Protein backbone atom coordinates (compact mmCIF):
# COMPACT_ATOMS: atom_id res chain seq x y z
CA MET A 1 26.52 88.67 0.35
CA LYS A 2 28.43 91.43 -1.45
CA LYS A 3 30.96 88.88 -2.70
CA ARG A 4 28.19 86.71 -4.16
CA LEU A 5 26.61 89.71 -5.91
CA LEU A 6 29.99 90.73 -7.32
CA PHE A 7 30.58 87.21 -8.61
CA THR A 8 27.13 87.22 -10.26
CA TYR A 9 27.77 90.53 -12.01
CA LEU A 10 31.14 89.31 -13.27
CA ALA A 11 29.91 85.89 -14.34
CA LEU A 12 26.73 87.01 -16.10
CA PRO A 13 28.46 88.65 -19.10
CA LEU A 14 30.61 85.53 -19.51
CA VAL A 15 27.54 83.26 -19.56
CA VAL A 16 25.80 85.53 -22.06
CA ALA A 17 28.90 85.57 -24.23
CA LEU A 18 29.15 81.78 -24.19
CA LEU A 19 25.48 81.39 -25.07
CA GLY A 20 25.96 83.90 -27.84
CA ILE A 21 28.67 81.88 -29.52
CA LEU A 22 26.81 78.54 -29.32
CA PRO A 23 25.87 77.38 -32.80
CA THR A 24 22.12 77.53 -33.50
CA SER A 25 22.24 73.85 -34.50
CA ALA A 26 22.95 73.03 -30.86
CA PHE A 27 19.27 73.61 -30.14
CA ALA A 28 18.01 71.59 -33.07
CA ALA A 29 17.10 68.65 -30.86
CA GLY A 30 14.61 70.73 -28.90
CA VAL A 31 16.71 70.89 -25.73
CA SER A 32 19.15 73.47 -24.51
CA GLN A 33 22.88 72.89 -24.47
CA GLU A 34 22.72 72.92 -20.66
CA LEU A 35 20.04 70.20 -20.49
CA PHE A 36 21.94 68.14 -23.05
CA THR A 37 25.06 68.37 -20.88
CA VAL A 38 23.13 67.36 -17.75
CA ASN A 39 21.51 64.39 -19.52
CA ASN A 40 24.78 63.19 -20.97
CA THR A 41 26.64 63.62 -17.68
CA TRP A 42 24.06 61.53 -15.82
CA MET A 43 24.37 58.78 -18.43
CA LEU A 44 28.15 58.75 -17.95
CA VAL A 45 27.77 58.64 -14.15
CA ALA A 46 25.40 55.69 -14.60
CA THR A 47 28.08 54.05 -16.74
CA PHE A 48 30.61 54.47 -13.93
CA LEU A 49 28.16 52.81 -11.54
CA VAL A 50 27.58 49.84 -13.84
CA PHE A 51 31.35 49.49 -14.17
CA ILE A 52 31.62 49.26 -10.37
CA MET A 53 29.31 46.26 -10.52
CA HIS A 54 32.15 44.23 -12.01
CA LEU A 55 34.16 44.78 -8.84
CA GLY A 56 31.07 43.67 -6.94
CA PHE A 57 30.82 40.47 -8.97
CA ALA A 58 34.52 39.79 -8.48
CA THR A 59 34.42 40.17 -4.70
CA LEU A 60 31.11 38.33 -4.31
CA GLU A 61 32.24 35.36 -6.37
CA SER A 62 35.65 35.12 -4.73
CA GLY A 63 34.12 35.41 -1.27
CA LEU A 64 31.63 32.61 -1.89
CA THR A 65 34.28 30.24 -3.26
CA ARG A 66 37.40 28.72 -1.74
CA ALA A 67 40.59 30.67 -1.14
CA LYS A 68 42.64 28.41 -3.42
CA ASN A 69 40.64 29.67 -6.44
CA THR A 70 40.57 33.39 -5.65
CA THR A 71 43.18 34.51 -8.20
CA ASN A 72 41.34 32.55 -10.88
CA ILE A 73 38.02 34.23 -10.02
CA LEU A 74 39.56 37.70 -10.07
CA PHE A 75 41.38 37.00 -13.34
CA LYS A 76 38.17 35.91 -15.08
CA ASN A 77 36.20 38.91 -13.88
CA THR A 78 38.90 41.30 -15.03
CA ALA A 79 39.26 39.64 -18.43
CA ILE A 80 35.50 39.62 -19.02
CA VAL A 81 35.28 43.41 -18.79
CA ALA A 82 37.97 43.77 -21.45
CA ILE A 83 36.40 41.11 -23.67
CA GLY A 84 32.97 42.69 -23.36
CA LEU A 85 34.15 46.19 -24.21
CA LEU A 86 36.29 45.21 -27.18
CA THR A 87 33.84 42.78 -28.78
CA TYR A 88 30.98 45.22 -28.30
CA ALA A 89 33.03 47.88 -30.09
CA LEU A 90 33.98 45.47 -32.86
CA CYS A 91 30.56 44.04 -33.66
CA GLY A 92 28.20 43.82 -30.68
CA PHE A 93 26.91 47.39 -30.72
CA ASN A 94 26.02 47.18 -34.41
CA LEU A 95 24.40 43.75 -33.98
CA MET A 96 22.26 44.97 -31.10
CA TYR A 97 21.29 48.28 -32.68
CA PRO A 98 21.40 47.62 -36.44
CA GLY A 99 18.81 50.25 -37.38
CA ASP A 100 16.22 49.09 -39.91
CA PHE A 101 16.29 45.29 -40.04
CA ASN A 102 14.02 42.25 -40.34
CA GLY A 103 13.38 42.11 -36.60
CA TRP A 104 15.45 38.96 -36.05
CA ILE A 105 19.03 39.74 -37.02
CA GLY A 106 20.76 42.72 -38.56
CA PHE A 107 24.23 44.20 -38.70
CA ALA A 108 25.26 47.81 -39.19
CA GLY A 109 28.93 47.07 -39.87
CA ILE A 110 32.27 46.54 -38.15
CA GLY A 111 33.47 48.98 -35.49
CA LEU A 112 32.18 52.28 -34.19
CA SER A 113 31.13 55.04 -36.56
CA LEU A 114 30.43 58.44 -35.01
CA PRO A 115 27.78 60.33 -37.01
CA ALA A 116 29.09 63.64 -38.30
CA GLY A 117 28.46 66.90 -36.49
CA ASP A 118 25.48 67.29 -34.21
CA ALA A 119 24.09 63.96 -35.40
CA GLY A 120 26.50 62.22 -33.05
CA LEU A 121 26.13 64.78 -30.28
CA ILE A 122 23.02 66.77 -29.31
CA GLY A 123 21.05 65.42 -32.26
CA TYR A 124 21.84 61.75 -31.59
CA ALA A 125 19.16 60.80 -29.05
CA ASP A 126 16.91 63.84 -28.76
CA GLY A 127 19.53 65.61 -26.67
CA ASN A 128 19.75 62.86 -24.03
CA TYR A 129 23.25 61.52 -24.72
CA THR A 130 25.91 61.25 -27.41
CA TYR A 131 26.73 58.34 -29.70
CA TYR A 132 29.83 57.44 -27.69
CA THR A 133 27.92 57.63 -24.40
CA ASP A 134 25.33 55.28 -25.81
CA PHE A 135 28.04 52.80 -26.77
CA ILE A 136 29.95 52.80 -23.49
CA PHE A 137 26.79 52.51 -21.36
CA GLN A 138 25.51 49.56 -23.39
CA ALA A 139 28.95 47.93 -23.47
CA MET A 140 28.98 47.69 -19.68
CA PHE A 141 25.71 45.76 -19.85
CA ALA A 142 27.20 43.34 -22.38
CA ALA A 143 30.12 42.51 -20.10
CA THR A 144 27.71 41.89 -17.22
CA ALA A 145 25.93 39.08 -19.07
CA ALA A 146 29.18 37.11 -19.38
CA THR A 147 30.11 37.78 -15.75
CA ILE A 148 27.01 35.91 -14.58
CA VAL A 149 28.33 32.72 -16.19
CA SER A 150 31.65 33.09 -14.38
CA GLY A 151 30.23 32.50 -10.91
CA ALA A 152 28.19 29.45 -11.88
CA VAL A 153 31.16 27.58 -13.39
CA ALA A 154 33.67 28.63 -10.72
CA GLU A 155 36.33 26.33 -9.24
CA ARG A 156 36.47 23.71 -12.01
CA VAL A 157 36.37 25.35 -15.45
CA LYS A 158 39.44 25.68 -17.68
CA LEU A 159 40.38 29.31 -18.00
CA SER A 160 41.12 29.19 -21.74
CA SER A 161 37.81 27.50 -22.58
CA PHE A 162 35.86 29.93 -20.42
CA LEU A 163 37.44 32.93 -22.12
CA VAL A 164 36.68 31.54 -25.58
CA PHE A 165 33.07 30.86 -24.57
CA SER A 166 32.68 34.34 -23.08
CA THR A 167 34.04 35.97 -26.22
CA ILE A 168 31.61 34.16 -28.54
CA PHE A 169 28.63 34.54 -26.19
CA VAL A 170 29.04 38.26 -25.53
CA ALA A 171 30.09 39.14 -29.09
CA ILE A 172 27.32 37.31 -30.96
CA VAL A 173 24.57 35.72 -28.85
CA TYR A 174 23.92 38.57 -26.41
CA PRO A 175 23.65 41.39 -28.98
CA ILE A 176 21.52 39.41 -31.42
CA VAL A 177 18.88 38.47 -28.86
CA GLY A 178 19.18 41.97 -27.36
CA SER A 179 18.18 43.45 -30.72
CA TRP A 180 14.84 41.64 -30.50
CA LYS A 181 13.72 44.13 -27.85
CA TRP A 182 16.15 47.01 -27.36
CA GLY A 183 17.07 47.17 -31.05
CA GLY A 184 13.44 47.44 -32.15
CA GLY A 185 13.09 43.80 -33.20
CA TRP A 186 10.17 41.38 -33.30
CA LEU A 187 9.62 41.18 -29.54
CA ASP A 188 9.58 44.96 -29.27
CA LYS A 189 6.96 45.11 -32.03
CA MET A 190 4.90 42.49 -30.15
CA GLY A 191 4.93 44.64 -27.00
CA PHE A 192 7.39 42.71 -24.83
CA TYR A 193 8.83 44.95 -22.09
CA ASP A 194 12.09 44.74 -20.20
CA PHE A 195 13.18 48.12 -18.92
CA ALA A 196 16.76 47.39 -17.82
CA GLY A 197 17.39 43.70 -18.38
CA SER A 198 15.78 41.17 -16.01
CA THR A 199 15.74 38.92 -19.07
CA LEU A 200 17.87 40.72 -21.64
CA VAL A 201 20.93 40.79 -19.33
CA HIS A 202 20.33 38.61 -16.27
CA GLY A 203 18.18 36.01 -17.98
CA VAL A 204 20.52 35.77 -20.96
CA GLY A 205 23.49 35.27 -18.63
CA GLY A 206 21.49 32.86 -16.49
CA TRP A 207 20.47 30.63 -19.38
CA GLY A 208 24.07 30.61 -20.57
CA ALA A 209 25.23 29.67 -17.08
CA LEU A 210 22.74 26.80 -16.85
CA ALA A 211 23.92 25.34 -20.14
CA CYS A 212 27.57 25.55 -19.12
CA VAL A 213 26.96 24.02 -15.69
CA LEU A 214 25.14 21.05 -17.23
CA VAL A 215 28.02 20.39 -19.63
CA LEU A 216 30.66 20.96 -16.94
CA GLY A 217 29.20 18.93 -14.07
CA PRO A 218 29.49 19.52 -10.31
CA ARG A 219 32.65 20.12 -8.28
CA ILE A 220 34.38 17.14 -6.74
CA GLY A 221 32.91 16.42 -3.33
CA LYS A 222 29.74 18.48 -3.78
CA PHE A 223 27.43 15.49 -4.07
CA VAL A 224 28.56 12.37 -2.20
CA ASN A 225 26.50 9.17 -1.93
CA GLY A 226 23.36 11.01 -2.92
CA GLN A 227 23.87 13.67 -0.26
CA VAL A 228 24.56 17.39 -0.72
CA ARG A 229 27.85 18.34 0.90
CA PRO A 230 28.20 22.09 1.50
CA ILE A 231 31.39 23.66 0.11
CA LEU A 232 31.72 26.89 2.03
CA GLY A 233 33.17 30.11 0.67
CA HIS A 234 36.32 31.44 2.29
CA SER A 235 35.36 35.07 2.99
CA MET A 236 31.91 36.30 3.91
CA PRO A 237 33.28 39.85 4.35
CA LEU A 238 34.35 39.84 0.69
CA ALA A 239 30.96 38.48 -0.36
CA THR A 240 29.16 41.16 1.65
CA ILE A 241 31.30 43.94 0.17
CA GLY A 242 30.49 42.56 -3.27
CA VAL A 243 26.74 42.73 -2.66
CA PHE A 244 26.88 46.33 -1.45
CA LEU A 245 28.95 47.27 -4.50
CA LEU A 246 26.38 45.58 -6.74
CA TRP A 247 23.52 47.35 -4.98
CA LEU A 248 25.34 50.66 -5.51
CA GLY A 249 25.97 49.85 -9.15
CA TRP A 250 22.32 48.98 -9.68
CA PHE A 251 21.42 52.67 -9.29
CA GLY A 252 23.29 53.18 -12.55
CA PHE A 253 22.05 49.93 -14.08
CA ASN A 254 18.39 50.83 -13.59
CA GLY A 255 18.65 54.60 -13.18
CA GLY A 256 20.72 54.95 -16.31
CA SER A 257 18.18 52.95 -18.27
CA VAL A 258 15.87 55.96 -18.08
CA LEU A 259 18.23 57.18 -20.82
CA SER A 260 18.09 60.77 -19.63
CA ALA A 261 18.34 62.78 -16.41
CA ASP A 262 14.56 63.10 -16.18
CA PRO A 263 14.06 63.91 -12.46
CA GLY A 264 10.75 62.15 -11.99
CA ALA A 265 11.66 58.95 -13.81
CA VAL A 266 15.13 58.60 -12.27
CA SER A 267 13.80 59.25 -8.78
CA LEU A 268 11.05 56.64 -9.16
CA VAL A 269 13.53 54.05 -10.43
CA PHE A 270 15.89 54.70 -7.51
CA VAL A 271 13.06 54.18 -5.03
CA THR A 272 11.57 51.03 -6.60
CA THR A 273 15.04 49.52 -7.04
CA SER A 274 16.06 50.11 -3.41
CA LEU A 275 12.77 48.97 -1.89
CA ALA A 276 12.74 45.76 -3.92
CA ALA A 277 16.28 44.96 -2.77
CA ALA A 278 15.37 45.67 0.85
CA ALA A 279 12.25 43.52 0.59
CA GLY A 280 14.35 40.71 -0.89
CA VAL A 281 16.65 40.83 2.12
CA ILE A 282 13.78 40.60 4.61
CA SER A 283 11.84 37.82 2.88
CA SER A 284 14.97 35.71 2.25
CA MET A 285 15.97 36.18 5.89
CA VAL A 286 12.60 35.03 7.20
CA THR A 287 12.36 32.15 4.72
CA SER A 288 15.86 30.79 5.26
CA TRP A 289 15.56 31.20 9.05
CA MET A 290 12.32 29.20 9.06
CA VAL A 291 13.56 26.48 6.70
CA GLN A 292 17.17 26.11 7.89
CA LYS A 293 16.51 27.03 11.54
CA LYS A 294 19.40 29.51 11.48
CA PRO A 295 19.83 32.94 9.87
CA ASP A 296 22.00 32.49 6.76
CA LEU A 297 24.12 35.45 5.62
CA SER A 298 24.68 34.03 2.14
CA MET A 299 20.92 33.72 1.67
CA ILE A 300 20.16 37.35 2.56
CA LEU A 301 23.03 38.52 0.35
CA ASN A 302 21.48 36.64 -2.54
CA GLY A 303 18.07 37.85 -1.37
CA SER A 304 19.07 41.45 -1.97
CA LEU A 305 20.34 40.58 -5.44
CA ALA A 306 17.17 38.60 -6.11
CA GLY A 307 15.10 41.70 -5.36
CA LEU A 308 17.33 43.81 -7.59
CA VAL A 309 17.11 41.38 -10.51
CA GLY A 310 13.38 41.01 -10.01
CA ILE A 311 12.65 44.75 -10.15
CA THR A 312 14.96 45.46 -13.09
CA ALA A 313 12.42 44.67 -15.81
CA GLY A 314 9.72 46.99 -14.49
CA SER A 315 11.35 49.48 -12.15
CA ASP A 316 10.03 52.41 -14.18
CA THR A 317 6.49 51.15 -14.64
CA VAL A 318 5.38 49.67 -11.29
CA THR A 319 4.22 51.43 -8.15
CA VAL A 320 6.25 51.66 -4.96
CA THR A 321 3.99 49.10 -3.29
CA SER A 322 4.33 46.72 -6.22
CA SER A 323 8.13 47.00 -6.11
CA ILE A 324 8.08 45.82 -2.49
CA ILE A 325 5.86 42.86 -3.41
CA ILE A 326 8.16 41.95 -6.31
CA GLY A 327 11.17 42.04 -3.97
CA LEU A 328 9.42 40.02 -1.27
CA VAL A 329 8.50 37.28 -3.74
CA ALA A 330 12.01 37.26 -5.22
CA GLY A 331 13.54 36.81 -1.77
CA VAL A 332 11.40 33.75 -1.12
CA ILE A 333 12.00 32.33 -4.59
CA VAL A 334 15.78 32.57 -4.33
CA VAL A 335 15.95 30.51 -1.13
CA PHE A 336 13.89 27.64 -2.49
CA SER A 337 15.64 27.87 -5.87
CA VAL A 338 19.08 27.40 -4.30
CA MET A 339 17.78 24.36 -2.43
CA PHE A 340 16.10 23.01 -5.59
CA PHE A 341 19.27 23.16 -7.69
CA ASP A 342 21.15 21.35 -4.94
CA LYS A 343 18.43 18.71 -4.81
CA ILE A 344 18.67 17.97 -8.55
CA LYS A 345 22.48 17.98 -8.28
CA ILE A 346 23.21 21.10 -10.30
CA ASP A 347 26.25 22.73 -8.69
CA ASP A 348 26.21 26.53 -8.65
CA PRO A 349 28.83 27.82 -6.18
CA VAL A 350 27.46 31.38 -5.90
CA GLY A 351 23.73 30.97 -6.56
CA ALA A 352 23.92 32.68 -9.96
CA LEU A 353 21.21 30.50 -11.48
CA SER A 354 18.78 31.26 -8.69
CA VAL A 355 19.49 35.00 -8.61
CA HIS A 356 19.86 35.85 -12.27
CA LEU A 357 17.90 33.18 -14.14
CA VAL A 358 15.02 32.27 -11.83
CA CYS A 359 14.48 35.76 -10.41
CA GLY A 360 15.05 37.25 -13.86
CA ILE A 361 12.12 35.18 -15.11
CA TRP A 362 10.02 36.29 -12.14
CA GLY A 363 10.85 39.96 -12.70
CA THR A 364 9.99 39.77 -16.38
CA LEU A 365 6.63 38.12 -15.72
CA ALA A 366 5.97 40.57 -12.87
CA VAL A 367 5.79 43.37 -15.44
CA GLY A 368 2.70 41.70 -16.88
CA ILE A 369 1.18 41.49 -13.39
CA PHE A 370 2.07 44.81 -11.77
CA SER A 371 2.78 47.30 -14.56
CA THR A 372 0.76 50.49 -14.55
CA ASN A 373 0.85 50.42 -18.36
CA PRO A 374 -2.15 48.44 -19.67
CA GLU A 375 -0.23 47.58 -22.83
CA HIS A 376 2.11 45.30 -20.87
CA LYS A 377 0.51 41.87 -21.08
CA LEU A 378 1.49 38.79 -19.07
CA TRP A 379 1.23 36.43 -22.03
CA ILE A 380 3.55 38.59 -24.11
CA GLN A 381 6.06 38.64 -21.24
CA PHE A 382 5.84 34.86 -21.14
CA VAL A 383 6.52 34.62 -24.88
CA GLY A 384 9.63 36.75 -24.39
CA VAL A 385 10.89 34.58 -21.53
CA ILE A 386 10.47 31.41 -23.64
CA ALA A 387 12.08 32.97 -26.72
CA TYR A 388 15.15 34.11 -24.80
CA GLY A 389 15.34 30.89 -22.81
CA VAL A 390 15.29 28.53 -25.76
CA THR A 391 17.66 30.61 -27.90
CA CYS A 392 20.25 31.39 -25.25
CA PHE A 393 20.27 27.94 -23.69
CA VAL A 394 20.63 26.14 -27.02
CA ALA A 395 23.31 28.55 -28.24
CA ALA A 396 25.34 28.38 -25.01
CA PHE A 397 24.99 24.60 -24.78
CA GLY A 398 26.19 24.19 -28.36
CA ILE A 399 29.16 26.52 -27.92
CA PHE A 400 30.28 24.98 -24.64
CA LEU A 401 29.77 21.41 -25.87
CA ALA A 402 31.90 22.18 -28.93
CA LEU A 403 34.60 23.53 -26.64
CA LYS A 404 34.38 20.39 -24.51
CA VAL A 405 35.01 18.24 -27.56
CA THR A 406 37.83 20.39 -28.96
CA MET A 407 39.60 22.11 -26.07
CA GLY A 408 38.15 20.48 -23.01
CA VAL A 409 36.27 22.58 -20.48
CA ARG A 410 37.26 21.10 -17.14
CA VAL A 411 40.56 21.05 -15.24
CA THR A 412 42.00 17.75 -14.04
CA GLU A 413 41.02 16.23 -10.70
CA GLN A 414 44.42 17.08 -9.25
CA GLU A 415 44.20 20.69 -10.41
CA GLU A 416 40.72 21.04 -8.96
CA MET A 417 41.72 19.57 -5.60
CA GLU A 418 44.90 21.62 -5.27
CA GLY A 419 43.35 24.84 -6.56
CA LEU A 420 43.22 26.71 -9.84
CA ASP A 421 45.36 29.56 -8.53
CA MET A 422 48.59 27.60 -8.52
CA HIS A 423 47.83 25.39 -11.54
CA GLU A 424 46.29 27.95 -13.88
CA HIS A 425 48.19 31.06 -12.72
CA GLY A 426 51.18 29.93 -10.67
CA VAL A 427 50.39 32.36 -7.87
CA ALA A 428 48.24 32.23 -4.76
CA ALA A 429 45.88 35.05 -3.82
CA TYR A 430 46.99 34.93 -0.18
CA ASN A 431 50.75 34.51 -0.01
CA GLY A 432 52.03 33.73 3.45
CA PHE A 433 48.87 31.87 4.46
CA GLN A 434 48.31 28.14 4.37
CA ILE A 435 45.40 27.29 2.09
CA THR A 436 43.66 23.96 2.56
CA ASN A 437 42.44 21.89 -0.37
CA GLN A 438 38.89 21.71 0.93
């Protein structure tokens, strides 16, 4: 006790001295320097968590695909992070947040430009975060949109074509449509609401994935004589680790979208996010067990992600009970969606279309049903879903079709059968182990 009192007496003059030398402009934003530091630190922690999601995507996708393509999956997921960060710094950030613009497209210039003095620090966002924190947090979201496409086209896409597509999609398409809501564009003015990206991130990536899958076609042996032939992933442990990493990262994805360290708002978002994910697990478990007659691990893994995607649009504006309902519905939807895409012969190795596109649509519409804010209207949410769907699908289809004509988008039959690891990279992910072609 005496030691603590002594420490207090010694530390107090130092604190007073530090406060005394703080410039008066530091309080211009209406918050203290301490609160500004706490807000900014939480936003950076949230950025770390979103970054971890890329490891989750990498392990989930590699686990749900065959061992002979593991190096290829890991390579793509590593490259996408770099592409997303660099293109967002070059042009994406200023396309997505152009300032005053016509509501459809605007551009604030090439590269990053830190406002001088406090304007880029405590005065940047009402004392919630700095200019650079804003950029790095949003850049992680941009990379996530391209990662969604990676899983859907796995095991048969040419690496070079995929990287070119990802660069164009994340540098131009994603930030332009993102500006329609988060940049203060026409959908924002209409009243469309998407808190953390059920449509703006997951839906955008999902529509892009659907376009690419349609151009690319299914894997060899997936559909034989009109029958669906399961192509099993090589490591359910890897897939499970990936889902838990994604669930962890979602605390930053949704929690960081509060855009401050507000205790009440962040706490609510953490609770609604977790309960929706848990509900998605339970409903997907029951549904798949009833339909398939056996409990399916891959279905409950995607069920948790379905709940997370579903709650992302409204995690700050729905009640705890509503978040559970949203997750329960998402878990049911994802099971039947996976089966539906198989039935119409659309090959999605990891269920990305069902999780990110279909459940992203559900989550966005759910805001209009369950939001506690009366200004959130279902018809406006529907308009937003259609606007993003048409724009992103057409843009992605056009880009990928152009690449098919010019570069080619699919590996040869021999390369696909023998594995992309050896043909695209010249190295196997599991040296010393015999990898079968099936």
